[in-house]
């Protein structure tokens, strides 16, 4: 992206996460486990940090860009297939969001992670399968048993 766009997107994320954090802070706490606002506050804190990093990086890159402008910042600078991969990624996420309520987290997530690894270029099938299953198991145990966050279950029938 253009450094100026990175800077403004980073600032937007900082402002968005700050407003979201203040809204999540008003939610009530739980006696045991995570309260209604604890998980959003954790995510928004990470979003704030990443937005600040993106804004700082965009500012730094913009200063370099002003000193020596590059050629054109058009879609021609994407490598062949990158835009297609982005479109496939967005489609996979949309399908995952639609199906996770029906098929459940444990059943659908390994396939989703496998597809993401395939999109991003990993071609070692056995490694992809093991990572997908192990990552799903770790996420499920972490959220279900330790953070006490219920994940969607299979309910097709």
Protein backbone atom coordinates (compact mmCIF):
# COMPACT_ATOMS: atom_id res chain seq x y z
CA UNK A 1 0.00 0.00 0.00
CA UNK A 2 0.91 3.60 -0.21
CA UNK A 3 2.61 4.83 2.98
CA UNK A 4 0.05 7.59 3.40
CA UNK A 5 -2.77 5.03 3.37
CA UNK A 6 -0.95 2.88 5.94
CA UNK A 7 -0.57 5.92 8.19
CA UNK A 8 -4.25 6.88 8.05
CA UNK A 9 -5.48 3.30 8.41
CA UNK A 10 -3.22 2.93 11.45
CA UNK A 11 -4.63 6.13 12.97
CA UNK A 12 -8.16 4.92 12.27
CA UNK A 13 -7.41 1.63 14.05
CA UNK A 14 -5.98 3.49 17.05
CA UNK A 15 -9.06 5.71 17.34
CA UNK A 16 -11.47 2.80 16.71
CA UNK A 17 -9.80 0.61 19.33
CA UNK A 18 -9.76 3.44 21.87
CA UNK A 19 -13.48 4.09 21.44
CA UNK A 20 -14.24 0.35 21.49
CA UNK A 21 -12.17 -0.13 24.64
CA UNK A 22 -14.07 2.60 26.45
CA UNK A 23 -17.36 0.98 25.41
CA UNK A 24 -16.19 -2.49 26.49
CA UNK A 25 -15.05 -1.06 29.81
CA UNK A 26 -18.67 -0.23 30.64
CA UNK A 27 -19.76 -3.88 30.42
CA UNK A 28 -20.15 -5.76 33.68
CA UNK A 29 -17.53 -8.10 35.09
CA UNK A 30 -18.06 -11.79 35.69
CA UNK A 31 -17.58 -13.50 39.02
CA UNK A 32 -15.64 -16.31 37.37
CA UNK A 33 -13.79 -16.34 34.05
CA UNK A 34 -14.01 -13.61 31.49
CA UNK A 35 -16.59 -10.91 31.84
CA UNK A 36 -18.58 -9.50 28.96
CA UNK A 37 -16.00 -6.81 28.26
CA UNK A 38 -12.75 -8.62 29.04
CA UNK A 39 -12.32 -10.43 25.73
CA UNK A 40 -13.14 -7.35 23.59
CA UNK A 41 -10.73 -5.30 25.70
CA UNK A 42 -7.92 -7.79 25.01
CA UNK A 43 -8.60 -7.76 21.28
CA UNK A 44 -8.90 -3.97 21.17
CA UNK A 45 -5.62 -3.59 23.06
CA UNK A 46 -3.86 -5.72 20.45
CA UNK A 47 -5.61 -3.74 17.71
CA UNK A 48 -4.43 -0.48 19.29
CA UNK A 49 -0.81 -1.66 19.38
CA UNK A 50 -0.90 -2.97 15.81
CA UNK A 51 -2.60 0.22 14.59
CA UNK A 52 0.07 2.34 16.28
CA UNK A 53 2.79 0.23 14.68
CA UNK A 54 1.13 0.55 11.26
CA UNK A 55 0.78 4.32 11.65
CA UNK A 56 4.40 4.66 12.73
CA UNK A 57 5.61 2.48 9.89
CA UNK A 58 3.46 4.39 7.40
CA UNK A 59 4.84 7.69 8.67
CA UNK A 60 8.41 6.40 8.39
CA UNK A 61 7.80 5.02 4.89
CA UNK A 62 6.10 8.25 3.80
CA UNK A 63 9.13 10.26 4.84
CA UNK A 64 11.29 7.95 2.72
CA UNK A 65 8.76 8.13 -0.12
CA UNK A 66 8.81 11.93 -0.16
CA UNK A 67 12.61 11.92 -0.40
CA UNK A 68 12.63 9.58 -3.41
CA UNK A 69 9.28 8.92 -5.05
CA UNK A 70 8.86 5.48 -6.56
CA UNK A 71 7.18 4.60 -9.81
CA UNK A 72 3.45 4.05 -9.95
CA UNK A 73 1.54 2.69 -6.95
CA UNK A 74 -1.04 0.84 -9.00
CA UNK A 75 -2.34 -2.70 -9.00
CA UNK A 76 0.37 -3.55 -11.55
CA UNK A 77 2.86 -3.78 -8.68
CA UNK A 78 1.11 -6.86 -7.24
CA UNK A 79 2.71 -10.14 -8.08
CA UNK A 80 0.75 -12.44 -10.34
CA UNK A 81 -2.04 -14.17 -8.42
CA UNK A 82 -1.95 -11.97 -5.28
CA UNK A 83 -5.26 -10.27 -5.99
CA UNK A 84 -6.84 -13.64 -6.72
CA UNK A 85 -5.50 -14.98 -3.41
CA UNK A 86 -6.99 -12.01 -1.56
CA UNK A 87 -10.38 -12.63 -3.18
CA UNK A 88 -10.23 -16.34 -2.33
CA UNK A 89 -9.26 -15.47 1.26
CA UNK A 90 -12.24 -13.14 1.67
CA UNK A 91 -14.52 -15.81 0.20
CA UNK A 92 -13.15 -18.47 2.59
CA UNK A 93 -13.69 -16.20 5.60
CA UNK A 94 -17.26 -15.42 4.50
CA UNK A 95 -18.05 -19.12 4.04
CA UNK A 96 -16.46 -19.96 7.40
CA UNK A 97 -18.53 -17.33 9.20
CA UNK A 98 -21.73 -18.64 7.59
CA UNK A 99 -21.04 -22.32 8.29
CA UNK A 100 -19.46 -22.22 11.76
CA UNK A 101 -22.85 -21.80 13.45
CA UNK A 102 -24.13 -24.97 11.74
CA UNK A 103 -21.09 -27.22 11.65
CA UNK A 104 -19.40 -26.03 14.83
CA UNK A 105 -15.92 -24.80 15.59
CA UNK A 106 -14.21 -28.17 16.04
CA UNK A 107 -15.48 -29.68 12.80
CA UNK A 108 -15.03 -26.68 10.48
CA UNK A 109 -11.89 -24.93 11.74
CA UNK A 110 -9.32 -27.56 10.62
CA UNK A 111 -10.63 -27.29 7.05
CA UNK A 112 -10.57 -23.50 7.26
CA UNK A 113 -6.98 -23.43 8.54
CA UNK A 114 -5.96 -25.96 5.90
CA UNK A 115 -7.48 -23.74 3.18
CA UNK A 116 -5.70 -20.66 4.54
CA UNK A 117 -2.35 -22.42 4.52
CA UNK A 118 -2.99 -23.55 0.96
CA UNK A 119 -3.89 -20.00 -0.11
CA UNK A 120 -0.72 -18.60 1.44
CA UNK A 121 1.48 -21.08 -0.40
CA UNK A 122 2.18 -23.99 1.93
CA UNK A 123 2.19 -27.22 -0.09
CA UNK A 124 3.23 -29.86 2.44
CA UNK A 125 -0.06 -31.72 2.86
CA UNK A 126 0.83 -33.76 5.94
CA UNK A 127 2.27 -30.74 7.74
CA UNK A 128 -0.80 -28.69 6.85
CA UNK A 129 -3.15 -31.36 8.17
CA UNK A 130 -1.27 -31.78 11.45
CA UNK A 131 -1.03 -28.03 12.03
CA UNK A 132 -4.75 -27.59 11.30
CA UNK A 133 -5.87 -30.29 13.73
CA UNK A 134 -3.40 -29.40 16.51
CA UNK A 135 -4.13 -25.66 16.26
CA UNK A 136 -7.87 -26.31 16.42
CA UNK A 137 -7.45 -28.53 19.48
CA UNK A 138 -5.26 -25.97 21.27
CA UNK A 139 -7.65 -23.12 20.51
CA UNK A 140 -10.65 -25.18 21.63
CA UNK A 141 -9.06 -26.22 24.94
CA UNK A 142 -7.75 -22.71 25.61
CA UNK A 143 -11.07 -20.99 24.99
CA UNK A 144 -13.46 -23.64 26.27
CA UNK A 145 -11.61 -24.78 29.41
CA UNK A 146 -9.43 -21.85 30.48
CA UNK A 147 -11.07 -18.68 29.16
CA UNK A 148 -14.57 -20.12 29.59
CA UNK A 149 -15.67 -18.87 26.17
CA UNK A 150 -18.21 -21.13 24.52
CA UNK A 151 -17.42 -21.90 20.89
CA UNK A 152 -20.07 -22.87 18.34
CA UNK A 153 -21.03 -26.56 18.44
CA UNK A 154 -22.33 -28.86 15.72
CA UNK A 155 -26.09 -28.41 15.41
CA UNK A 156 -27.01 -29.33 11.86
CA UNK A 157 -29.56 -31.97 12.94
